[in-house]
Amino acid sequence: VAENDEIFNEKGSVKIQDIPAATLAVAKFTGFVTEGEVERQKDALLTALAIDGVEIDVPHASPVPHVIFQYNPPYTLPVLRRNEIGIPVRMTEEEEEVDSAKLSKEWAVANDGTEDEEDK
């Protein structure tokens, strides 16, 4: 599609949506994203989460939603493609506090671009 095409420049063709924040369990995979491959990857991730005792953030008896992330242009060889599948998970308050503390320390940088003294 060229930039001067009517369809490309059609008013309202791009929609911006607010998506609520979520904690995702993510698994990487290669190849093309087909319905069958998505189901295989979703089943593998759900199995791994069940083995690890991670609680999925979905109401009981509801279908488990997933998101697919694709990072390569369509002409990339399948073996070199990078894809990810994400499933919402529920974290305990303790896990959230630990993660928050780790991130705060990891990303703490003084205004001048150097690390804070307390982080050394």
PDB file of N, CA and C in Angstrom:
ATOM      1  N   VAL A   1       0.855  -1.173   0.000  1.00  0.00           N
ATOM      2  CA  VAL A   1       0.000   0.000   0.000  1.00  0.00           C
ATOM      3  C   VAL A   1       0.898   1.231   0.000  1.00  0.00           C
ATOM      4  N   ALA A   2       0.737   2.080  -0.936  1.00  0.00           N
ATOM      5  CA  ALA A   2       1.506   3.317  -1.011  1.00  0.00           C
ATOM      6  C   ALA A   2       0.866   4.357  -0.097  1.00  0.00           C
ATOM      7  N   GLU A   3       1.662   5.287   0.381  1.00  0.00           N
ATOM      8  CA  GLU A   3       1.159   6.285   1.323  1.00  0.00           C
ATOM      9  C   GLU A   3       0.083   7.179   0.731  1.00  0.00           C
ATOM     10  N   ASN A   4       0.073   7.342  -0.581  1.00  0.00           N
ATOM     11  CA  ASN A   4      -0.929   8.217  -1.181  1.00  0.00           C
ATOM     12  C   ASN A   4      -2.221   7.487  -1.524  1.00  0.00           C
ATOM     13  N   ASP A   5      -2.319   6.211  -1.226  1.00  0.00           N
ATOM     14  CA  ASP A   5      -3.552   5.474  -1.471  1.00  0.00           C
ATOM     15  C   ASP A   5      -4.656   5.977  -0.548  1.00  0.00           C
ATOM     16  N   GLU A   6      -5.879   5.977  -1.055  1.00  0.00           N
ATOM     17  CA  GLU A   6      -7.014   6.450  -0.281  1.00  0.00           C
ATOM     18  C   GLU A   6      -7.234   5.608   0.981  1.00  0.00           C
ATOM     19  N   ILE A   7      -7.073   4.302   0.858  1.00  0.00           N
ATOM     20  CA  ILE A   7      -7.294   3.419   2.008  1.00  0.00           C
ATOM     21  C   ILE A   7      -6.294   3.723   3.114  1.00  0.00           C
ATOM     22  N   PHE A   8      -5.040   3.944   2.735  1.00  0.00           N
ATOM     23  CA  PHE A   8      -3.998   4.209   3.720  1.00  0.00           C
ATOM     24  C   PHE A   8      -4.283   5.495   4.482  1.00  0.00           C
ATOM     25  N   ASN A   9      -4.760   6.506   3.799  1.00  0.00           N
ATOM     26  CA  ASN A   9      -4.983   7.813   4.409  1.00  0.00           C
ATOM     27  C   ASN A   9      -6.414   8.024   4.889  1.00  0.00           C
ATOM     28  N   GLU A  10      -7.205   6.977   4.886  1.00  0.00           N
ATOM     29  CA  GLU A  10      -8.599   7.100   5.288  1.00  0.00           C
ATOM     30  C   GLU A  10      -8.690   7.550   6.744  1.00  0.00           C
ATOM     31  N   LYS A  11      -9.466   8.593   6.991  1.00  0.00           N
ATOM     32  CA  LYS A  11      -9.632   9.115   8.339  1.00  0.00           C
ATOM     33  C   LYS A  11     -10.308   8.069   9.227  1.00  0.00           C
ATOM     34  N   GLY A  12      -9.752   7.852  10.402  1.00  0.00           N
ATOM     35  CA  GLY A  12     -10.318   6.898  11.342  1.00  0.00           C
ATOM     36  C   GLY A  12      -9.838   5.471  11.137  1.00  0.00           C
ATOM     37  N   SER A  13      -8.895   5.249  10.204  1.00  0.00           N
ATOM     38  CA  SER A  13      -8.436   3.877   9.967  1.00  0.00           C
ATOM     39  C   SER A  13      -7.494   3.382  11.062  1.00  0.00           C
ATOM     40  N   VAL A  14      -6.965   4.289  11.863  1.00  0.00           N
ATOM     41  CA  VAL A  14      -6.117   3.912  12.988  1.00  0.00           C
ATOM     42  C   VAL A  14      -6.895   4.182  14.263  1.00  0.00           C
ATOM     43  N   LYS A  15      -6.980   3.189  15.115  1.00  0.00           N
ATOM     44  CA  LYS A  15      -7.706   3.339  16.365  1.00  0.00           C
ATOM     45  C   LYS A  15      -6.740   3.124  17.525  1.00  0.00           C
ATOM     46  N   ILE A  16      -6.817   4.003  18.501  1.00  0.00           N
ATOM     47  CA  ILE A  16      -5.991   3.888  19.701  1.00  0.00           C
ATOM     48  C   ILE A  16      -6.906   3.452  20.828  1.00  0.00           C
ATOM     49  N   GLN A  17      -6.494   2.377  21.515  1.00  0.00           N
ATOM     50  CA  GLN A  17      -7.307   1.840  22.597  1.00  0.00           C
ATOM     51  C   GLN A  17      -6.484   1.781  23.871  1.00  0.00           C
ATOM     52  N   ASP A  18      -7.137   2.032  24.997  1.00  0.00           N
ATOM     53  CA  ASP A  18      -6.499   1.833  26.288  1.00  0.00           C
ATOM     54  C   ASP A  18      -6.617   0.358  26.647  1.00  0.00           C
ATOM     55  N   ILE A  19      -5.501  -0.231  27.004  1.00  0.00           N
ATOM     56  CA  ILE A  19      -5.487  -1.633  27.411  1.00  0.00           C
ATOM     57  C   ILE A  19      -5.046  -1.674  28.869  1.00  0.00           C
ATOM     58  N   PRO A  20      -5.820  -2.308  29.732  1.00  0.00           N
ATOM     59  CA  PRO A  20      -5.449  -2.327  31.149  1.00  0.00           C
ATOM     60  C   PRO A  20      -4.121  -3.054  31.373  1.00  0.00           C
ATOM     61  N   ALA A  21      -3.399  -2.591  32.362  1.00  0.00           N
ATOM     62  CA  ALA A  21      -2.112  -3.215  32.700  1.00  0.00           C
ATOM     63  C   ALA A  21      -2.349  -4.637  33.187  1.00  0.00           C
ATOM     64  N   ALA A  22      -1.415  -5.525  32.869  1.00  0.00           N
ATOM     65  CA  ALA A  22      -1.522  -6.918  33.287  1.00  0.00           C
ATOM     66  C   ALA A  22      -0.125  -7.492  33.441  1.00  0.00           C
ATOM     67  N   THR A  23      -0.001  -8.477  34.289  1.00  0.00           N
ATOM     68  CA  THR A  23       1.236  -9.227  34.423  1.00  0.00           C
ATOM     69  C   THR A  23       1.088 -10.469  33.558  1.00  0.00           C
ATOM     70  N   LEU A  24       2.027 -10.669  32.639  1.00  0.00           N
ATOM     71  CA  LEU A  24       1.944 -11.784  31.701  1.00  0.00           C
ATOM     72  C   LEU A  24       3.062 -12.789  31.924  1.00  0.00           C
ATOM     73  N   ALA A  25       2.725 -14.047  31.783  1.00  0.00           N
ATOM     74  CA  ALA A  25       3.737 -15.090  31.645  1.00  0.00           C
ATOM     75  C   ALA A  25       3.955 -15.229  30.149  1.00  0.00           C
ATOM     76  N   VAL A  26       5.217 -15.160  29.717  1.00  0.00           N
ATOM     77  CA  VAL A  26       5.520 -15.105  28.288  1.00  0.00           C
ATOM     78  C   VAL A  26       6.469 -16.237  27.911  1.00  0.00           C
ATOM     79  N   ALA A  27       6.214 -16.844  26.755  1.00  0.00           N
ATOM     80  CA  ALA A  27       7.099 -17.881  26.207  1.00  0.00           C
ATOM     81  C   ALA A  27       7.463 -17.498  24.780  1.00  0.00           C
ATOM     82  N   LYS A  28       8.743 -17.664  24.443  1.00  0.00           N
ATOM     83  CA  LYS A  28       9.208 -17.375  23.085  1.00  0.00           C
ATOM     84  C   LYS A  28       9.056 -18.610  22.210  1.00  0.00           C
ATOM     85  N   PHE A  29       8.827 -18.366  20.910  1.00  0.00           N
ATOM     86  CA  PHE A  29       8.833 -19.468  19.949  1.00  0.00           C
ATOM     87  C   PHE A  29       9.171 -18.922  18.573  1.00  0.00           C
ATOM     88  N   THR A  30       9.632 -19.802  17.700  1.00  0.00           N
ATOM     89  CA  THR A  30      10.006 -19.411  16.345  1.00  0.00           C
ATOM     90  C   THR A  30       8.975 -19.949  15.357  1.00  0.00           C
ATOM     91  N   GLY A  31       9.116 -19.562  14.104  1.00  0.00           N
ATOM     92  CA  GLY A  31       8.239 -20.073  13.056  1.00  0.00           C
ATOM     93  C   GLY A  31       7.111 -19.114  12.747  1.00  0.00           C
ATOM     94  N   PHE A  32       6.198 -19.587  11.921  1.00  0.00           N
ATOM     95  CA  PHE A  32       5.029 -18.790  11.560  1.00  0.00           C
ATOM     96  C   PHE A  32       3.969 -18.913  12.642  1.00  0.00           C
ATOM     97  N   VAL A  33       3.192 -17.860  12.822  1.00  0.00           N
ATOM     98  CA  VAL A  33       2.114 -17.857  13.807  1.00  0.00           C
ATOM     99  C   VAL A  33       0.838 -18.314  13.110  1.00  0.00           C
ATOM    100  N   THR A  34       0.515 -19.581  13.306  1.00  0.00           N
ATOM    101  CA  THR A  34      -0.723 -20.146  12.766  1.00  0.00           C
ATOM    102  C   THR A  34      -1.634 -20.494  13.941  1.00  0.00           C
ATOM    103  N   GLU A  35      -2.899 -20.747  13.665  1.00  0.00           N
ATOM    104  CA  GLU A  35      -3.820 -21.118  14.748  1.00  0.00           C
ATOM    105  C   GLU A  35      -3.326 -22.358  15.485  1.00  0.00           C
ATOM    106  N   GLY A  36      -2.859 -23.351  14.717  1.00  0.00           N
ATOM    107  CA  GLY A  36      -2.363 -24.588  15.332  1.00  0.00           C
ATOM    108  C   GLY A  36      -1.142 -24.347  16.198  1.00  0.00           C
ATOM    109  N   GLU A  37      -0.208 -23.521  15.713  1.00  0.00           N
ATOM    110  CA  GLU A  37       1.006 -23.236  16.485  1.00  0.00           C
ATOM    111  C   GLU A  37       0.682 -22.439  17.742  1.00  0.00           C
ATOM    112  N   VAL A  38      -0.243 -21.501  17.640  1.00  0.00           N
ATOM    113  CA  VAL A  38      -0.654 -20.730  18.814  1.00  0.00           C
ATOM    114  C   VAL A  38      -1.260 -21.661  19.863  1.00  0.00           C
ATOM    115  N   GLU A  39      -2.109 -22.592  19.448  1.00  0.00           N
ATOM    116  CA  GLU A  39      -2.708 -23.542  20.402  1.00  0.00           C
ATOM    117  C   GLU A  39      -1.641 -24.415  21.058  1.00  0.00           C
ATOM    118  N   ARG A  40      -0.670 -24.891  20.268  1.00  0.00           N
ATOM    119  CA  ARG A  40       0.419 -25.710  20.840  1.00  0.00           C
ATOM    120  C   ARG A  40       1.238 -24.911  21.853  1.00  0.00           C
ATOM    121  N   GLN A  41       1.579 -23.682  21.508  1.00  0.00           N
ATOM    122  CA  GLN A  41       2.374 -22.851  22.407  1.00  0.00           C
ATOM    123  C   GLN A  41       1.581 -22.464  23.660  1.00  0.00           C
ATOM    124  N   LYS A  42       0.304 -22.194  23.493  1.00  0.00           N
ATOM    125  CA  LYS A  42      -0.549 -21.853  24.637  1.00  0.00           C
ATOM    126  C   LYS A  42      -0.671 -23.042  25.590  1.00  0.00           C
ATOM    127  N   ASP A  43      -0.894 -24.236  25.040  1.00  0.00           N
ATOM    128  CA  ASP A  43      -0.980 -25.441  25.870  1.00  0.00           C
ATOM    129  C   ASP A  43       0.330 -25.695  26.610  1.00  0.00           C
ATOM    130  N   ALA A  44       1.466 -25.504  25.924  1.00  0.00           N
ATOM    131  CA  ALA A  44       2.772 -25.710  26.554  1.00  0.00           C
ATOM    132  C   ALA A  44       2.984 -24.709  27.691  1.00  0.00           C
ATOM    133  N   LEU A  45       2.617 -23.448  27.469  1.00  0.00           N
ATOM    134  CA  LEU A  45       2.782 -22.432  28.511  1.00  0.00           C
ATOM    135  C   LEU A  45       1.852 -22.702  29.685  1.00  0.00           C
ATOM    136  N   LEU A  46       0.601 -23.057  29.414  1.00  0.00           N
ATOM    137  CA  LEU A  46      -0.337 -23.370  30.495  1.00  0.00           C
ATOM    138  C   LEU A  46       0.137 -24.568  31.314  1.00  0.00           C
ATOM    139  N   THR A  47       0.695 -25.568  30.652  1.00  0.00           N
ATOM    140  CA  THR A  47       1.228 -26.745  31.354  1.00  0.00           C
ATOM    141  C   THR A  47       2.397 -26.344  32.247  1.00  0.00           C
ATOM    142  N   ALA A  48       3.314 -25.529  31.717  1.00  0.00           N
ATOM    143  CA  ALA A  48       4.469 -25.081  32.502  1.00  0.00           C
ATOM    144  C   ALA A  48       4.019 -24.255  33.709  1.00  0.00           C
ATOM    145  N   LEU A  49       3.021 -23.408  33.520  1.00  0.00           N
ATOM    146  CA  LEU A  49       2.516 -22.600  34.631  1.00  0.00           C
ATOM    147  C   LEU A  49       1.865 -23.485  35.697  1.00  0.00           C
ATOM    148  N   ALA A  50       1.117 -24.492  35.266  1.00  0.00           N
ATOM    149  CA  ALA A  50       0.478 -25.408  36.218  1.00  0.00           C
ATOM    150  C   ALA A  50       1.530 -26.177  37.018  1.00  0.00           C
ATOM    151  N   ILE A  51       2.573 -26.636  36.353  1.00  0.00           N
ATOM    152  CA  ILE A  51       3.652 -27.371  37.037  1.00  0.00           C
ATOM    153  C   ILE A  51       4.338 -26.478  38.064  1.00  0.00           C
ATOM    154  N   ASP A  52       4.534 -25.201  37.702  1.00  0.00           N
ATOM    155  CA  ASP A  52       5.206 -24.261  38.605  1.00  0.00           C
ATOM    156  C   ASP A  52       4.277 -23.670  39.657  1.00  0.00           C
ATOM    157  N   GLY A  53       2.988 -23.986  39.579  1.00  0.00           N
ATOM    158  CA  GLY A  53       2.030 -23.492  40.567  1.00  0.00           C
ATOM    159  C   GLY A  53       1.680 -22.026  40.407  1.00  0.00           C
ATOM    160  N   VAL A  54       1.798 -21.505  39.207  1.00  0.00           N
ATOM    161  CA  VAL A  54       1.464 -20.102  38.946  1.00  0.00           C
ATOM    162  C   VAL A  54      -0.027 -20.006  38.652  1.00  0.00           C
ATOM    163  N   GLU A  55      -0.696 -19.059  39.312  1.00  0.00           N
ATOM    164  CA  GLU A  55      -2.141 -18.897  39.149  1.00  0.00           C
ATOM    165  C   GLU A  55      -2.441 -17.996  37.954  1.00  0.00           C
ATOM    166  N   ILE A  56      -3.339 -18.439  37.105  1.00  0.00           N
ATOM    167  CA  ILE A  56      -3.738 -17.680  35.927  1.00  0.00           C
ATOM    168  C   ILE A  56      -4.788 -16.652  36.347  1.00  0.00           C
ATOM    169  N   ASP A  57      -4.682 -15.433  35.823  1.00  0.00           N
ATOM    170  CA  ASP A  57      -5.576 -14.337  36.196  1.00  0.00           C
ATOM    171  C   ASP A  57      -6.815 -14.330  35.293  1.00  0.00           C
ATOM    172  N   VAL A  58      -7.650 -15.368  35.475  1.00  0.00           N
ATOM    173  CA  VAL A  58      -8.863 -15.531  34.679  1.00  0.00           C
ATOM    174  C   VAL A  58      -9.950 -16.073  35.606  1.00  0.00           C
ATOM    175  N   PRO A  59     -11.171 -15.552  35.501  1.00  0.00           N
ATOM    176  CA  PRO A  59     -12.252 -16.115  36.312  1.00  0.00           C
ATOM    177  C   PRO A  59     -12.444 -17.605  36.025  1.00  0.00           C
ATOM    178  N   HIS A  60     -12.870 -18.336  37.040  1.00  0.00           N
ATOM    179  CA  HIS A  60     -13.074 -19.786  36.924  1.00  0.00           C
ATOM    180  C   HIS A  60     -14.026 -20.109  35.778  1.00  0.00           C
ATOM    181  N   ALA A  61     -13.679 -21.104  34.991  1.00  0.00           N
ATOM    182  CA  ALA A  61     -14.475 -21.623  33.860  1.00  0.00           C
ATOM    183  C   ALA A  61     -14.540 -20.664  32.680  1.00  0.00           C
ATOM    184  N   SER A  62     -13.714 -19.643  32.678  1.00  0.00           N
ATOM    185  CA  SER A  62     -13.657 -18.729  31.531  1.00  0.00           C
ATOM    186  C   SER A  62     -12.536 -19.157  30.601  1.00  0.00           C
ATOM    187  N   PRO A  63     -12.652 -18.860  29.315  1.00  0.00           N
ATOM    188  CA  PRO A  63     -11.549 -19.176  28.399  1.00  0.00           C
ATOM    189  C   PRO A  63     -10.309 -18.350  28.769  1.00  0.00           C
ATOM    190  N   VAL A  64      -9.150 -18.942  28.619  1.00  0.00           N
ATOM    191  CA  VAL A  64      -7.896 -18.259  28.953  1.00  0.00           C
ATOM    192  C   VAL A  64      -7.495 -17.382  27.766  1.00  0.00           C
ATOM    193  N   PRO A  65      -7.446 -16.069  27.976  1.00  0.00           N
ATOM    194  CA  PRO A  65      -7.042 -15.190  26.876  1.00  0.00           C
ATOM    195  C   PRO A  65      -5.532 -15.248  26.667  1.00  0.00           C
ATOM    196  N   HIS A  66      -5.089 -14.867  25.496  1.00  0.00           N
ATOM    197  CA  HIS A  66      -3.655 -14.809  25.219  1.00  0.00           C
ATOM    198  C   HIS A  66      -3.387 -13.666  24.253  1.00  0.00           C
ATOM    199  N   VAL A  67      -2.151 -13.221  24.256  1.00  0.00           N
ATOM    200  CA  VAL A  67      -1.719 -12.219  23.288  1.00  0.00           C
ATOM    201  C   VAL A  67      -0.509 -12.780  22.555  1.00  0.00           C
ATOM    202  N   ILE A  68      -0.391 -12.409  21.300  1.00  0.00           N
ATOM    203  CA  ILE A  68       0.739 -12.850  20.478  1.00  0.00           C
ATOM    204  C   ILE A  68       1.548 -11.625  20.090  1.00  0.00           C
ATOM    205  N   PHE A  69       2.851 -11.716  20.265  1.00  0.00           N
ATOM    206  CA  PHE A  69       3.767 -10.657  19.849  1.00  0.00           C
ATOM    207  C   PHE A  69       4.620 -11.204  18.710  1.00  0.00           C
ATOM    208  N   GLN A  70       4.656 -10.474  17.605  1.00  0.00           N
ATOM    209  CA  GLN A  70       5.477 -10.872  16.455  1.00  0.00           C
ATOM    210  C   GLN A  70       6.429  -9.719  16.153  1.00  0.00           C
ATOM    211  N   TYR A  71       7.717 -10.022  16.034  1.00  0.00           N
ATOM    212  CA  TYR A  71       8.724  -8.975  15.942  1.00  0.00           C
ATOM    213  C   TYR A  71       9.419  -8.862  14.587  1.00  0.00           C
ATOM    214  N   ASN A  72       9.096  -9.714  13.639  1.00  0.00           N
ATOM    215  CA  ASN A  72       9.829  -9.735  12.383  1.00  0.00           C
ATOM    216  C   ASN A  72       8.955  -9.383  11.192  1.00  0.00           C
ATOM    217  N   PRO A  73       9.577  -8.877  10.115  1.00  0.00           N
ATOM    218  CA  PRO A  73       8.819  -8.654   8.882  1.00  0.00           C
ATOM    219  C   PRO A  73       8.417 -10.002   8.278  1.00  0.00           C
ATOM    220  N   PRO A  74       7.411 -10.028   7.434  1.00  0.00           N
ATOM    221  CA  PRO A  74       6.876 -11.293   6.913  1.00  0.00           C
ATOM    222  C   PRO A  74       7.865 -12.098   6.069  1.00  0.00           C
ATOM    223  N   TYR A  75       8.883 -11.480   5.518  1.00  0.00           N
ATOM    224  CA  TYR A  75       9.832 -12.209   4.665  1.00  0.00           C
ATOM    225  C   TYR A  75      10.966 -12.869   5.456  1.00  0.00           C
ATOM    226  N   THR A  76      10.970 -12.766   6.786  1.00  0.00           N
ATOM    227  CA  THR A  76      11.998 -13.407   7.606  1.00  0.00           C
ATOM    228  C   THR A  76      11.821 -14.922   7.557  1.00  0.00           C
ATOM    229  N   LEU A  77      12.929 -15.639   7.440  1.00  0.00           N
ATOM    230  CA  LEU A  77      12.880 -17.109   7.435  1.00  0.00           C
ATOM    231  C   LEU A  77      12.242 -17.611   8.730  1.00  0.00           C
ATOM    232  N   PRO A  78      11.401 -18.642   8.651  1.00  0.00           N
ATOM    233  CA  PRO A  78      10.693 -19.127   9.842  1.00  0.00           C
ATOM    234  C   PRO A  78      11.610 -19.458  11.024  1.00  0.00           C
ATOM    235  N   VAL A  79      12.739 -20.073  10.764  1.00  0.00           N
ATOM    236  CA  VAL A  79      13.635 -20.458  11.858  1.00  0.00           C
ATOM    237  C   VAL A  79      14.230 -19.238  12.569  1.00  0.00           C
ATOM    238  N   LEU A  80      14.240 -18.084  11.907  1.00  0.00           N
ATOM    239  CA  LEU A  80      14.803 -16.871  12.483  1.00  0.00           C
ATOM    240  C   LEU A  80      13.749 -15.940  13.087  1.00  0.00           C
ATOM    241  N   ARG A  81      12.493 -16.294  12.927  1.00  0.00           N
ATOM    242  CA  ARG A  81      11.417 -15.434  13.430  1.00  0.00           C
ATOM    243  C   ARG A  81      11.354 -15.493  14.950  1.00  0.00           C
ATOM    244  N   ARG A  82      11.045 -14.359  15.567  1.00  0.00           N
ATOM    245  CA  ARG A  82      10.894 -14.298  17.023  1.00  0.00           C
ATOM    246  C   ARG A  82       9.458 -13.929  17.341  1.00  0.00           C
ATOM    247  N   ASN A  83       8.781 -14.815  18.025  1.00  0.00           N
ATOM    248  CA  ASN A  83       7.396 -14.612  18.439  1.00  0.00           C
ATOM    249  C   ASN A  83       7.305 -14.896  19.932  1.00  0.00           C
ATOM    250  N   GLU A  84       6.279 -14.354  20.551  1.00  0.00           N
ATOM    251  CA  GLU A  84       6.018 -14.633  21.959  1.00  0.00           C
ATOM    252  C   GLU A  84       4.516 -14.773  22.158  1.00  0.00           C
ATOM    253  N   ILE A  85       4.157 -15.607  23.127  1.00  0.00           N
ATOM    254  CA  ILE A  85       2.764 -15.736  23.533  1.00  0.00           C
ATOM    255  C   ILE A  85       2.707 -15.365  25.012  1.00  0.00           C
ATOM    256  N   GLY A  86       1.702 -14.577  25.383  1.00  0.00           N
ATOM    257  CA  GLY A  86       1.555 -14.140  26.763  1.00  0.00           C
ATOM    258  C   GLY A  86       0.192 -14.500  27.314  1.00  0.00           C
ATOM    259  N   ILE A  87       0.192 -14.914  28.585  1.00  0.00           N
ATOM    260  CA  ILE A  87      -1.037 -15.282  29.285  1.00  0.00           C
ATOM    261  C   ILE A  87      -1.051 -14.520  30.605  1.00  0.00           C
ATOM    262  N   PRO A  88      -2.182 -13.883  30.966  1.00  0.00           N
ATOM    263  CA  PRO A  88      -2.223 -13.128  32.221  1.00  0.00           C
ATOM    264  C   PRO A  88      -2.113 -14.039  33.437  1.00  0.00           C
ATOM    265  N   VAL A  89      -1.268 -13.635  34.376  1.00  0.00           N
ATOM    266  CA  VAL A  89      -1.090 -14.401  35.611  1.00  0.00           C
ATOM    267  C   VAL A  89      -1.332 -13.488  36.806  1.00  0.00           C
ATOM    268  N   ARG A  90      -1.650 -14.091  37.911  1.00  0.00           N
ATOM    269  CA  ARG A  90      -1.916 -13.355  39.149  1.00  0.00           C
ATOM    270  C   ARG A  90      -0.700 -13.492  40.055  1.00  0.00           C
ATOM    271  N   MET A  91      -0.225 -12.361  40.549  1.00  0.00           N
ATOM    272  CA  MET A  91       0.906 -12.372  41.479  1.00  0.00           C
ATOM    273  C   MET A  91       0.389 -12.077  42.878  1.00  0.00           C
ATOM    274  N   THR A  92       1.030 -12.670  43.878  1.00  0.00           N
ATOM    275  CA  THR A  92       0.672 -12.364  45.260  1.00  0.00           C
ATOM    276  C   THR A  92       1.230 -10.991  45.598  1.00  0.00           C
ATOM    277  N   GLU A  93       0.715 -10.391  46.656  1.00  0.00           N
ATOM    278  CA  GLU A  93       1.197  -9.059  47.066  1.00  0.00           C
ATOM    279  C   GLU A  93       2.688  -9.112  47.405  1.00  0.00           C
ATOM    280  N   GLU A  94       3.124 -10.210  47.996  1.00  0.00           N
ATOM    281  CA  GLU A  94       4.535 -10.361  48.357  1.00  0.00           C
ATOM    282  C   GLU A  94       5.419 -10.383  47.106  1.00  0.00           C
ATOM    283  N   GLU A  95       4.983 -11.125  46.092  1.00  0.00           N
ATOM    284  CA  GLU A  95       5.733 -11.182  44.836  1.00  0.00           C
ATOM    285  C   GLU A  95       5.786  -9.812  44.165  1.00  0.00           C
ATOM    286  N   GLU A  96       4.669  -9.083  44.222  1.00  0.00           N
ATOM    287  CA  GLU A  96       4.629  -7.750  43.620  1.00  0.00           C
ATOM    288  C   GLU A  96       5.592  -6.806  44.317  1.00  0.00           C
ATOM    289  N   GLU A  97       5.659  -6.890  45.674  1.00  0.00           N
ATOM    290  CA  GLU A  97       6.568  -6.026  46.421  1.00  0.00           C
ATOM    291  C   GLU A  97       8.022  -6.348  46.089  1.00  0.00           C
ATOM    292  N   VAL A  98       8.353  -7.642  45.979  1.00  0.00           N
ATOM    293  CA  VAL A  98       9.717  -8.046  45.642  1.00  0.00           C
ATOM    294  C   VAL A  98      10.067  -7.565  44.242  1.00  0.00           C
ATOM    295  N   ASP A  99       9.176  -7.776  43.284  1.00  0.00           N
ATOM    296  CA  ASP A  99       9.421  -7.323  41.920  1.00  0.00           C
ATOM    297  C   ASP A  99       9.569  -5.812  41.855  1.00  0.00           C
ATOM    298  N   SER A 100       8.722  -5.105  42.579  1.00  0.00           N
ATOM    299  CA  SER A 100       8.777  -3.650  42.587  1.00  0.00           C
ATOM    300  C   SER A 100      10.104  -3.162  43.169  1.00  0.00           C
ATOM    301  N   ALA A 101      10.553  -3.793  44.251  1.00  0.00           N
ATOM    302  CA  ALA A 101      11.818  -3.406  44.868  1.00  0.00           C
ATOM    303  C   ALA A 101      12.987  -3.692  43.928  1.00  0.00           C
ATOM    304  N   LYS A 102      12.966  -4.856  43.257  1.00  0.00           N
ATOM    305  CA  LYS A 102      14.033  -5.195  42.319  1.00  0.00           C
ATOM    306  C   LYS A 102      14.089  -4.197  41.177  1.00  0.00           C
ATOM    307  N   LEU A 103      12.921  -3.872  40.618  1.00  0.00           N
ATOM    308  CA  LEU A 103      12.879  -2.927  39.511  1.00  0.00           C
ATOM    309  C   LEU A 103      13.329  -1.542  39.937  1.00  0.00           C
ATOM    310  N   SER A 104      12.892  -1.115  41.120  1.00  0.00           N
ATOM    311  CA  SER A 104      13.294   0.208  41.600  1.00  0.00           C
ATOM    312  C   SER A 104      14.801   0.294  41.719  1.00  0.00           C
ATOM    313  N   LYS A 105      15.417  -0.746  42.267  1.00  0.00           N
ATOM    314  CA  LYS A 105      16.864  -0.750  42.427  1.00  0.00           C
ATOM    315  C   LYS A 105      17.549  -0.838  41.061  1.00  0.00           C
ATOM    316  N   GLU A 106      17.037  -1.688  40.200  1.00  0.00           N
ATOM    317  CA  GLU A 106      17.648  -1.889  38.886  1.00  0.00           C
ATOM    318  C   GLU A 106      17.590  -0.620  38.038  1.00  0.00           C
ATOM    319  N   TRP A 107      16.496   0.112  38.150  1.00  0.00           N
ATOM    320  CA  TRP A 107      16.313   1.282  37.304  1.00  0.00           C
ATOM    321  C   TRP A 107      16.647   2.597  37.996  1.00  0.00           C
ATOM    322  N   ALA A 108      17.117   2.531  39.238  1.00  0.00           N
ATOM    323  CA  ALA A 108      17.437   3.759  39.971  1.00  0.00           C
ATOM    324  C   ALA A 108      18.675   4.415  39.375  1.00  0.00           C
ATOM    325  N   VAL A 109      18.483   5.604  38.844  1.00  0.00           N
ATOM    326  CA  VAL A 109      19.571   6.390  38.274  1.00  0.00           C
ATOM    327  C   VAL A 109      19.367   7.830  38.717  1.00  0.00           C
ATOM    328  N   ALA A 110      20.426   8.455  39.195  1.00  0.00           N
ATOM    329  CA  ALA A 110      20.335   9.853  39.614  1.00  0.00           C
ATOM    330  C   ALA A 110      20.080  10.730  38.385  1.00  0.00           C
ATOM    331  N   ASN A 111      19.685  11.944  38.619  1.00  0.00           N
ATOM    332  CA  ASN A 111      19.372  12.863  37.521  1.00  0.00           C
ATOM    333  C   ASN A 111      20.546  13.089  36.583  1.00  0.00           C
ATOM    334  N   ASP A 112      21.771  12.969  37.096  1.00  0.00           N
ATOM    335  CA  ASP A 112      22.929  13.211  36.243  1.00  0.00           C
ATOM    336  C   ASP A 112      23.361  11.975  35.477  1.00  0.00           C
ATOM    337  N   GLY A 113      22.607  10.893  35.587  1.00  0.00           N
ATOM    338  CA  GLY A 113      22.917   9.677  34.823  1.00  0.00           C
ATOM    339  C   GLY A 113      23.788   8.684  35.566  1.00  0.00           C
ATOM    340  N   THR A 114      24.154   8.979  36.816  1.00  0.00           N
ATOM    341  CA  THR A 114      24.953   8.048  37.603  1.00  0.00           C
ATOM    342  C   THR A 114      24.063   7.352  38.625  1.00  0.00           C
ATOM    343  N   GLU A 115      24.544   6.252  39.160  1.00  0.00           N
ATOM    344  CA  GLU A 115      23.757   5.512  40.141  1.00  0.00           C
ATOM    345  C   GLU A 115      23.691   6.293  41.443  1.00  0.00           C
ATOM    346  N   ASP A 116      22.570   6.112  42.159  1.00  0.00           N
ATOM    347  CA  ASP A 116      22.432   6.717  43.474  1.00  0.00           C
ATOM    348  C   ASP A 116      23.440   6.078  44.413  1.00  0.00           C
ATOM    349  N   GLU A 117      23.881   6.813  45.424  1.00  0.00           N
ATOM    350  CA  GLU A 117      24.870   6.301  46.390  1.00  0.00           C
ATOM    351  C   GLU A 117      24.330   5.093  47.133  1.00  0.00           C
ATOM    352  N   GLU A 118      23.015   5.117  47.454  1.00  0.00           N
ATOM    353  CA  GLU A 118      22.443   3.998  48.214  1.00  0.00           C
ATOM    354  C   GLU A 118      22.368   2.705  47.401  1.00  0.00           C
ATOM    355  N   ASP A 119      22.466   2.791  46.095  1.00  0.00           N
ATOM    356  CA  ASP A 119      22.374   1.604  45.243  1.00  0.00           C
ATOM    357  C   ASP A 119      23.721   0.933  45.026  1.00  0.00           C
ATOM    358  N   LYS A 120      24.798   1.518  45.515  1.00  0.00           N
ATOM    359  CA  LYS A 120      26.135   0.943  45.297  1.00  0.00           C
ATOM    360  C   LYS A 120      26.501  -0.042  46.370  1.00  0.00           C
TER     361      LYS A 120
END
